[in-house]
Protein backbone atom coordinates (compact mmCIF):
# COMPACT_ATOMS: atom_id res chain seq x y z
CA MET A 1 26.61 218.18 52.76
CA GLN A 2 28.94 217.21 55.61
CA ILE A 3 32.68 216.84 56.04
CA LEU A 4 34.59 214.27 58.06
CA GLN A 5 38.15 215.15 59.05
CA GLY A 6 40.92 212.77 60.06
CA GLN A 7 43.55 210.69 58.39
CA THR A 8 42.21 209.33 55.11
CA LEU A 9 43.32 206.11 53.46
CA THR A 10 42.17 204.57 50.22
CA PHE A 11 43.57 202.50 47.37
CA THR A 12 44.26 203.69 43.86
CA ASP A 13 45.59 200.29 42.71
CA ASN A 14 45.91 196.66 43.81
CA PRO A 15 48.87 196.44 46.24
CA PHE A 16 49.36 192.79 45.31
CA ARG A 17 50.36 194.00 41.83
CA VAL A 18 52.21 197.23 42.54
CA PRO A 19 54.29 198.28 45.58
CA PRO A 20 52.03 199.28 48.49
CA GLU A 21 53.34 202.85 48.52
CA ALA A 22 52.24 203.20 44.87
CA ALA A 23 48.79 201.74 45.55
CA ILE A 24 47.50 204.03 48.29
CA ARG A 25 46.44 207.61 48.80
CA HIS A 26 46.99 208.75 52.40
CA GLU A 27 46.37 212.18 53.86
CA ARG A 28 47.66 212.78 57.37
CA HIS A 29 45.29 215.75 57.69
CA GLY A 30 42.55 214.70 55.31
CA ALA A 31 38.84 215.10 54.81
CA VAL A 32 35.91 213.45 53.08
CA ALA A 33 32.97 215.50 51.88
CA ILE A 34 29.63 213.67 51.65
CA GLU A 35 26.32 214.66 50.12
CA ALA A 36 23.16 212.66 49.41
CA GLY A 37 24.78 209.41 50.50
CA ARG A 38 27.82 209.68 48.23
CA ILE A 39 31.36 210.95 48.49
CA VAL A 40 31.83 214.22 46.62
CA ALA A 41 35.44 215.05 47.55
CA VAL A 42 38.47 213.51 49.23
CA GLY A 43 41.77 215.25 49.88
CA PRO A 44 43.72 217.54 52.21
CA ALA A 45 41.43 218.93 54.89
CA GLU A 46 42.24 222.57 54.06
CA GLU A 47 41.28 222.11 50.42
CA VAL A 48 38.08 220.15 51.06
CA CYS A 49 36.87 222.53 53.77
CA ALA A 50 37.71 225.61 51.67
CA ALA A 51 35.72 224.21 48.76
CA HIS A 52 32.67 223.61 50.99
CA PRO A 53 32.79 226.38 53.61
CA GLN A 54 29.17 225.98 54.74
CA ALA A 55 29.37 222.24 55.42
CA PRO A 56 29.38 221.10 59.05
CA VAL A 57 32.59 219.30 60.05
CA SER A 58 33.07 216.22 62.24
CA ASP A 59 36.71 216.21 63.30
CA TYR A 60 38.06 212.78 64.21
CA GLY A 61 41.60 214.00 64.87
CA ALA A 62 44.21 211.32 64.21
CA ALA A 63 41.63 208.57 63.65
CA LEU A 64 41.71 206.86 60.27
CA ILE A 65 38.79 207.37 57.88
CA SER A 66 38.60 204.25 55.73
CA PRO A 67 36.10 202.66 53.38
CA GLY A 68 33.77 200.48 55.43
CA PHE A 69 34.75 196.83 55.62
CA VAL A 70 33.26 194.35 53.14
CA ASP A 71 32.54 190.84 54.46
CA ALA A 72 32.25 188.60 51.41
CA HIS A 73 30.95 185.37 53.02
CA ALA A 74 28.91 184.91 56.20
CA HIS A 75 26.03 182.92 57.66
CA TYR A 76 23.84 185.33 59.61
CA PRO A 77 21.62 182.46 60.89
CA GLN A 78 24.68 181.13 62.76
CA THR A 79 25.06 184.32 64.81
CA ALA A 80 23.86 182.67 68.02
CA ILE A 81 26.13 179.60 67.68
CA ILE A 82 29.40 181.40 66.96
CA ALA A 83 32.34 180.02 68.96
CA SER A 84 30.78 176.60 69.54
CA TRP A 85 33.28 174.01 70.67
CA GLY A 86 35.13 171.16 69.12
CA LYS A 87 33.79 170.13 65.68
CA ARG A 88 35.08 169.82 62.15
CA LEU A 89 32.98 170.78 59.17
CA ILE A 90 30.50 167.91 58.76
CA ASP A 91 30.03 167.46 62.51
CA TRP A 92 29.73 171.25 62.89
CA LEU A 93 26.84 171.28 60.43
CA ASN A 94 25.03 168.34 62.03
CA HIS A 95 25.64 169.27 65.67
CA TYR A 96 25.29 173.06 65.65
CA THR A 97 24.28 174.56 62.31
CA PHE A 98 21.34 172.47 61.19
CA PRO A 99 19.49 172.54 64.56
CA GLU A 100 19.86 176.32 64.70
CA GLU A 101 18.88 176.87 61.07
CA ALA A 102 15.72 174.80 61.60
CA ARG A 103 14.41 177.67 63.76
CA PHE A 104 14.38 180.19 60.91
CA GLY A 105 10.97 179.24 59.57
CA ASP A 106 9.74 181.40 62.47
CA PRO A 107 9.68 184.99 61.15
CA ALA A 108 10.06 186.45 64.66
CA HIS A 109 13.21 184.44 65.35
CA ALA A 110 14.66 185.28 61.95
CA ALA A 111 13.97 188.99 62.50
CA GLU A 112 15.55 188.92 65.97
CA ILE A 113 18.77 187.30 64.72
CA ALA A 114 18.97 189.53 61.63
CA ALA A 115 18.80 192.63 63.82
CA ARG A 116 21.42 191.24 66.20
CA TYR A 117 23.68 190.31 63.29
CA PHE A 118 23.65 193.79 61.79
CA ASP A 119 24.16 195.36 65.23
CA LEU A 120 27.33 193.29 65.57
CA THR A 121 28.70 193.84 62.08
CA LEU A 122 28.12 197.60 62.14
CA ALA A 123 29.76 197.85 65.56
CA ASN A 124 32.82 196.33 63.89
CA GLY A 125 32.87 198.78 60.98
CA THR A 126 31.45 196.34 58.42
CA THR A 127 29.14 198.11 55.98
CA THR A 128 28.57 195.41 53.33
CA THR A 129 27.79 191.74 54.00
CA VAL A 130 27.13 188.69 51.84
CA SER A 131 25.18 186.09 53.76
CA TYR A 132 23.75 182.64 53.33
CA CYS A 133 20.26 182.56 54.79
CA THR A 134 18.43 179.24 55.43
CA ILE A 135 16.09 177.19 53.23
CA HIS A 136 13.21 179.24 54.64
CA PRO A 137 12.07 182.25 52.59
CA GLU A 138 11.29 183.87 55.96
CA SER A 139 15.02 183.99 56.70
CA VAL A 140 15.69 185.89 53.49
CA GLU A 141 12.81 188.28 54.14
CA ALA A 142 14.16 189.04 57.62
CA TYR A 143 17.72 189.64 56.37
CA PHE A 144 16.76 191.99 53.55
CA THR A 145 14.05 193.77 55.54
CA GLU A 146 16.50 194.62 58.32
CA ALA A 147 19.23 195.64 55.89
CA GLN A 148 16.78 197.85 54.00
CA ARG A 149 15.60 199.48 57.22
CA ARG A 150 19.19 200.49 57.97
CA GLY A 151 20.02 201.56 54.42
CA LEU A 152 22.74 198.93 54.04
CA ARG A 153 24.31 197.44 50.97
CA ALA A 154 23.64 193.77 51.63
CA LEU A 155 23.66 190.62 49.53
CA GLY A 156 22.25 187.20 50.34
CA GLY A 157 20.03 184.36 49.30
CA LYS A 158 17.98 181.34 50.29
CA THR A 159 20.25 178.38 51.03
CA CYS A 160 19.14 175.40 48.93
CA MET A 161 19.49 171.78 50.15
CA ASP A 162 17.61 168.69 48.99
CA ALA A 163 20.05 165.96 50.08
CA ASN A 164 22.15 164.90 53.08
CA ALA A 165 20.39 167.27 55.45
CA PRO A 166 17.66 166.85 58.09
CA ASP A 167 14.16 166.53 56.68
CA ALA A 168 13.16 169.85 58.24
CA LEU A 169 15.89 171.59 56.24
CA ARG A 170 15.29 170.04 52.84
CA ASP A 171 13.60 171.66 49.92
CA THR A 172 13.37 170.14 46.43
CA ALA A 173 14.86 170.97 43.07
CA GLN A 174 11.58 172.60 42.06
CA SER A 175 10.94 174.51 45.27
CA ALA A 176 14.56 175.72 45.38
CA TYR A 177 14.13 177.13 41.89
CA ASP A 178 10.67 178.59 42.51
CA GLU A 179 11.41 180.16 45.89
CA SER A 180 14.82 181.48 44.85
CA LYS A 181 13.30 183.03 41.72
CA ALA A 182 10.49 184.65 43.68
CA LEU A 183 12.90 186.09 46.25
CA LEU A 184 15.24 187.27 43.52
CA GLU A 185 12.43 189.07 41.72
CA ARG A 186 11.21 190.59 45.00
CA TRP A 187 14.54 191.86 46.38
CA HIS A 188 17.30 192.09 43.78
CA GLY A 189 18.13 195.68 42.93
CA ILE A 190 15.75 197.13 45.50
CA ASP A 191 17.50 200.03 47.25
CA ARG A 192 21.01 198.69 47.99
CA LEU A 193 20.16 194.99 48.09
CA GLY A 194 21.37 192.16 45.89
CA TYR A 195 20.13 188.59 45.59
CA VAL A 196 22.65 185.74 45.45
CA ILE A 197 21.71 182.25 44.19
CA THR A 198 22.82 179.94 47.00
CA PRO A 199 23.32 176.17 46.80
CA ARG A 200 24.96 175.42 50.16
CA PHE A 201 27.53 173.05 48.67
CA ALA A 202 27.56 170.07 46.35
CA PRO A 203 26.94 167.35 49.01
CA THR A 204 23.61 168.87 50.08
CA SER A 205 22.15 169.22 46.59
CA THR A 206 21.10 166.52 44.15
CA PRO A 207 22.16 166.84 40.52
CA GLU A 208 18.59 167.89 39.77
CA GLN A 209 18.77 170.79 42.21
CA LEU A 210 22.20 171.94 41.02
CA SER A 211 20.89 171.84 37.46
CA ALA A 212 17.79 173.86 38.41
CA LEU A 213 19.88 176.52 40.15
CA GLY A 214 22.28 176.63 37.20
CA ALA A 215 19.28 177.23 34.95
CA LEU A 216 18.03 180.02 37.23
CA TRP A 217 21.44 181.69 37.12
CA GLY A 218 21.42 181.41 33.35
CA GLU A 219 18.10 183.24 33.30
CA HIS A 220 19.41 185.94 35.67
CA PRO A 221 23.10 186.44 34.86
CA GLU A 222 23.01 189.84 36.57
CA VAL A 223 23.05 188.24 40.05
CA LEU A 224 25.87 186.50 41.89
CA MET A 225 26.02 182.84 42.94
CA GLN A 226 27.65 181.63 46.17
CA THR A 227 28.63 178.21 47.42
CA HIS A 228 31.42 176.36 49.24
CA LEU A 229 34.41 174.67 47.61
CA SER A 230 37.22 172.44 48.89
CA GLU A 231 37.10 173.45 52.53
CA GLN A 232 38.22 170.15 54.12
CA HIS A 233 39.72 166.89 52.88
CA GLU A 234 36.80 164.79 54.19
CA GLU A 235 34.39 167.02 52.28
CA ILE A 236 36.36 166.63 49.06
CA ALA A 237 36.38 162.84 49.41
CA TRP A 238 32.62 162.89 50.04
CA VAL A 239 32.03 164.93 46.89
CA ALA A 240 34.10 162.42 44.89
CA GLU A 241 31.84 159.62 46.13
CA LEU A 242 28.64 161.52 45.39
CA PHE A 243 29.69 162.73 41.93
CA PRO A 244 32.03 160.05 40.53
CA GLU A 245 31.59 161.32 36.98
CA ALA A 246 33.15 164.72 37.83
CA ARG A 247 36.86 165.33 37.37
CA ASP A 248 37.06 167.10 40.73
CA TYR A 249 35.02 169.24 43.13
CA THR A 250 35.19 172.34 40.92
CA ASP A 251 33.99 170.32 37.94
CA VAL A 252 30.77 169.45 39.78
CA TYR A 253 29.73 173.10 39.73
CA ASP A 254 31.03 173.56 36.21
CA ARG A 255 28.85 170.74 34.88
CA PHE A 256 25.69 172.35 36.23
CA GLY A 257 26.29 175.90 35.00
CA LEU A 258 27.47 177.18 38.38
CA LEU A 259 30.96 178.31 37.46
CA ARG A 260 31.59 181.61 35.71
CA GLU A 261 32.28 185.22 36.51
CA GLY A 262 30.08 186.14 39.46
CA ALA A 263 30.61 182.84 41.29
CA LEU A 264 31.71 183.33 44.91
CA MET A 265 33.57 180.21 45.99
CA GLY A 266 33.94 180.11 49.76
CA HIS A 267 37.19 178.70 51.18
CA ALA A 268 38.87 177.14 48.10
CA ILE A 269 41.75 175.81 50.19
CA HIS A 270 42.63 172.40 48.75
CA LEU A 271 42.65 172.95 44.98
CA SER A 272 44.36 170.88 42.28
CA PRO A 273 46.32 172.65 39.54
CA ARG A 274 43.49 171.90 37.10
CA GLU A 275 40.95 173.48 39.43
CA ARG A 276 43.07 176.59 39.90
CA ASP A 277 43.41 176.99 36.16
CA ARG A 278 39.69 176.51 35.58
CA LEU A 279 38.66 178.93 38.36
CA LYS A 280 40.97 181.57 36.92
CA GLU A 281 39.67 180.95 33.39
CA ALA A 282 36.06 181.20 34.57
CA GLY A 283 36.67 184.45 36.44
CA ALA A 284 35.28 183.10 39.72
CA SER A 285 35.97 184.85 43.04
CA LEU A 286 37.70 182.87 45.79
CA ILE A 287 36.63 183.99 49.26
CA HIS A 288 39.22 183.54 52.01
CA CYS A 289 37.75 182.81 55.46
CA PRO A 290 40.80 182.59 57.74
CA THR A 291 39.27 182.53 61.23
CA SER A 292 36.91 179.77 60.11
CA ASN A 293 39.69 177.81 58.44
CA THR A 294 41.73 177.75 61.65
CA PHE A 295 38.80 177.39 64.07
CA ILE A 296 37.29 174.37 62.29
CA GLY A 297 40.72 172.99 61.33
CA SER A 298 40.24 173.20 57.58
CA GLY A 299 43.67 174.23 56.30
CA LEU A 300 45.78 177.13 55.07
CA PHE A 301 44.65 179.19 52.09
CA ASP A 302 47.37 179.84 49.49
CA MET A 303 47.03 183.61 49.28
CA ASP A 304 50.43 184.23 47.73
CA GLY A 305 50.21 181.52 45.09
CA LEU A 306 46.64 182.31 44.08
CA MET A 307 47.30 186.04 43.85
CA ARG A 308 50.37 185.42 41.71
CA GLU A 309 48.14 183.44 39.34
CA GLY A 310 45.82 186.44 39.03
CA GLN A 311 42.87 184.96 40.90
CA ARG A 312 40.10 187.27 42.14
CA ILE A 313 40.09 187.03 45.95
CA GLY A 314 37.91 188.46 48.72
CA LEU A 315 38.08 188.28 52.50
CA ALA A 316 35.36 187.15 54.91
CA THR A 317 34.52 186.28 58.50
CA ASP A 318 32.40 183.18 57.68
CA THR A 319 30.52 183.71 60.94
CA GLY A 320 29.52 181.55 62.77
CA GLY A 321 32.13 178.95 61.66
CA GLY A 322 34.42 181.94 61.73
CA SER A 323 35.13 182.97 65.31
CA SER A 324 34.74 186.75 65.07
CA PHE A 325 32.44 189.38 63.56
CA SER A 326 35.45 191.68 63.22
CA MET A 327 37.19 192.22 59.91
CA LEU A 328 40.18 193.48 61.89
CA ARG A 329 40.46 190.05 63.52
CA THR A 330 39.90 188.48 60.10
CA MET A 331 42.81 190.49 58.66
CA ALA A 332 44.97 189.34 61.57
CA ALA A 333 44.05 185.71 60.91
CA ALA A 334 44.81 186.13 57.19
CA TYR A 335 48.26 187.45 58.16
CA GLU A 336 48.84 184.46 60.44
CA VAL A 337 47.63 181.89 57.87
CA ALA A 338 49.89 183.38 55.18
CA HIS A 339 52.81 183.40 57.61
CA LEU A 340 52.31 179.68 58.26
CA ARG A 341 52.63 179.18 54.48
CA GLY A 342 55.85 181.19 54.38
CA THR A 343 54.48 184.54 53.16
CA VAL A 344 54.44 187.78 55.14
CA LEU A 345 51.54 189.97 54.01
CA HIS A 346 52.13 193.71 54.16
CA PRO A 347 49.44 195.57 56.17
CA ALA A 348 48.36 197.35 52.96
CA LEU A 349 47.49 193.98 51.40
CA LEU A 350 45.32 193.06 54.37
CA TRP A 351 43.47 196.39 54.40
CA TRP A 352 42.92 196.18 50.64
CA LEU A 353 41.46 192.69 50.97
CA ALA A 354 38.96 193.90 53.58
CA THR A 355 37.84 196.91 51.52
CA ALA A 356 38.55 197.37 47.80
CA GLY A 357 39.60 193.75 47.26
CA SER A 358 36.39 192.26 48.61
CA ALA A 359 34.37 194.87 46.74
CA HIS A 360 36.13 193.80 43.54
CA ALA A 361 35.43 190.12 44.32
CA LEU A 362 31.73 190.99 44.59
CA HIS A 363 31.76 192.96 41.31
CA LEU A 364 30.94 196.09 43.32
CA GLY A 365 34.32 197.76 43.01
CA ASP A 366 32.78 200.68 41.15
CA ARG A 367 30.46 201.53 44.06
CA ILE A 368 32.01 200.60 47.41
CA GLY A 369 35.38 199.87 49.01
CA THR A 370 37.11 203.10 47.92
CA LEU A 371 37.20 206.72 49.07
CA ALA A 372 36.63 208.56 45.81
CA PRO A 373 34.07 210.97 44.38
CA GLY A 374 30.93 209.18 43.25
CA TYR A 375 31.35 206.20 45.56
CA GLU A 376 28.76 205.30 48.16
CA ALA A 377 29.60 206.91 51.50
CA ASP A 378 30.04 203.74 53.55
CA LEU A 379 32.89 204.52 55.93
CA ALA A 380 34.57 203.25 59.07
CA VAL A 381 36.45 205.62 61.36
CA ILE A 382 39.24 203.72 63.08
CA ASP A 383 40.84 204.72 66.39
CA LEU A 384 44.49 203.71 65.97
CA ALA A 385 45.11 203.91 69.73
CA SER A 386 41.98 202.19 71.01
CA THR A 387 43.60 200.25 73.87
CA PRO A 388 46.68 200.87 76.01
CA ALA A 389 48.52 197.98 74.35
CA ILE A 390 47.82 199.29 70.85
CA ALA A 391 48.52 202.90 71.80
CA GLN A 392 51.95 202.19 73.29
CA ARG A 393 52.99 200.24 70.19
CA ALA A 394 51.65 202.88 67.81
CA GLU A 395 53.62 205.59 69.62
CA ARG A 396 56.86 203.95 68.45
CA ALA A 397 55.76 203.70 64.81
CA ALA A 398 57.97 205.12 62.09
CA ASP A 399 55.36 205.22 59.32
CA LEU A 400 51.64 204.82 58.59
CA TRP A 401 51.69 201.04 58.36
CA GLU A 402 53.53 200.64 61.64
CA VAL A 403 50.66 202.63 63.17
CA VAL A 404 47.95 200.60 61.42
CA PHE A 405 49.39 197.12 61.92
CA PRO A 406 48.93 196.92 65.73
CA THR A 407 45.25 197.73 65.24
CA ILE A 408 44.99 194.95 62.64
CA MET A 409 46.59 192.45 64.99
CA MET A 410 45.05 193.52 68.31
CA GLY A 411 42.03 195.64 67.39
CA ASP A 412 38.35 194.84 67.90
CA ASP A 413 35.08 196.78 68.07
CA ARG A 414 36.69 199.24 70.51
CA ALA A 415 38.73 200.53 67.57
CA ILE A 416 35.62 201.61 65.64
CA ARG A 417 34.99 205.29 66.46
CA ALA A 418 32.11 205.55 64.00
CA THR A 419 30.42 203.71 61.15
CA TYR A 420 28.74 205.60 58.31
CA VAL A 421 26.25 203.99 55.93
CA GLY A 422 25.15 206.00 52.94
CA GLY A 423 26.60 209.07 54.62
CA ARG A 424 24.66 208.56 57.87
CA GLN A 425 26.39 207.75 61.12
CA ILE A 426 24.70 204.56 62.25
């Protein structure tokens, strides 16, 4: 048993559906009690400490104790090429991504990058990640092995490609099925790990491979499936050429059994009304990657319109196409993208997207993303005055969100006082 003291913030409802003040529980002098990796109590510090008088206390003062951040879409093999200059999506893949991913058949290289990736995400308060690996089973082994060593909740899968990719990065329909199935059976549900069936995107898979992966998902409906959808106009036109029989990009996945609840559709920027209706009907999750969308010049995600439709939406860095490992920076970019579309997102909406919202998108909302008894004790402790610029703005704040918003807009890893995974400071 241990107790963390500070300001506590968690969500009791979706602030996109109810006023933010009705969706949060905030304690100015709060505490979280943790035992055996789970939260056992949250509330006013006096009450929590009185109920557990023998528990040691870590007092974080005015720092904010929050659920750890949940990054719903990333590419850990691209860690070393983050912030590479000057390319749009297809050129980015050919010039930077594919040459780097070709190195991940080497277990030592994969292990080195996996360790570096988790060092960086944990330093930024991110406690759950969903990553594409490479076509190499070694890349998946490295990712899950490192996550397991640290006790993390982590999801990922072997990226499958048998078309329009370098020969060194192609598998086949059969090997994609066989290797994905073997990795799924080896890792899914072990400790806090989850396998995700992973066709990269429609242009790099033949119909035979998409069909094979759809069949695998049908055999294992308990796992998630991740892919990319409608990121850039050139990509959409390419898909139309490759799959002329499909009504649209979304329909390609639908035809091969890759669209239902549990599908994580990265980007989903340029969607037709029919696609939006079908994605909502299927119960798919749309994963917003704002720093990537601006860095690679993809477009502006329609957060307001999609939320009004009742879509399930998560938030993600999309490293290394995304330009930061920080979910604070990702929240800031989501604010800026929405502003360019004419919508001003309240800070509560941004924080929800990075915690409970992304957990809900991953169908893990009953385990992570919330400070409540029974939930896994994955926490981030946020210094709301981490730099002189942030501190001087926060001093003038009239309410909680005026204190939090400068950290969203200007914060980075310096704002992370501590990260807890399964109740352990890590």
